[in-house]
Amino acid sequence: MDAVRVALLREVLAGTEWLGSTRRFAGVLRGSVVSYEGGLLLVGTEEYEPWHLAAHLVDEAAWSGTPELSPTLVRHGARPSDPAHLAVGLGRVEAARRGETLLVVSPGAPGAPLLERVHDARRAGATVLSLDAGDRELGALAHESLPVPDGPDLDLDTVQHLVSAAAGENALPSPRNPRRFRDRLSRLADQLTAPPSARW
């Protein structure tokens, strides 16, 4: 989803709680990775791997000049023969420590094995965030949670786009380029989609 489509989606959602909620959550995400300068670990469930969120966060990290937003995708079925960026298994969640951030994306119940690892990571001092369907156990483990109940208004994939875009926008602009191309494009999209002003 590109910047123009995100801008249009935000216009559609104007006046709902989702814009504020996704921006707040994105601010917590950005703040946790920048403040501690630790790694960002991204993990889904055995049935759902958040590939698209990983890709969008990598893009946002590059565009915003915030390399800390670039995640390590942790996979349930990772094999040593996989390419390095796809070969990180669940043992990495167990090894998470203070200063690292663990973002769990779960469209359903995450399952006991993952919950146990998340619990261990939290006890070791990692910051735990969750984008989920409102699972109580996962929500209780997370320092910050954004529940996305299954409904007709919005789905988990769309919320991930909003969160990743807001995480990049919330970053301080790079001193070399204070007016980023992405910001200018977003402003242009807002202007193009705004209703015409009345002339008297």
Foldseek 3Di string as FASTA:
>chain_A
DALLVLLVVCVVCPPHCLLVLLLVLLVVVLCLCVVLVAAEEEEEAQVDFPPVLLVLQCVLCVQLVNVRSNHQGEHCPADPPDPPSRRHYLVVLLVAAASYEYEYEYADDRDDVSLVSLQNNVVRHYAYEYEYQPDPSSVVSHPYYDHDHDDDPDGSVSSSNSNSVSNSVVHQHDPVPNCGPSNVVSVVSNVVPDDDDDDD
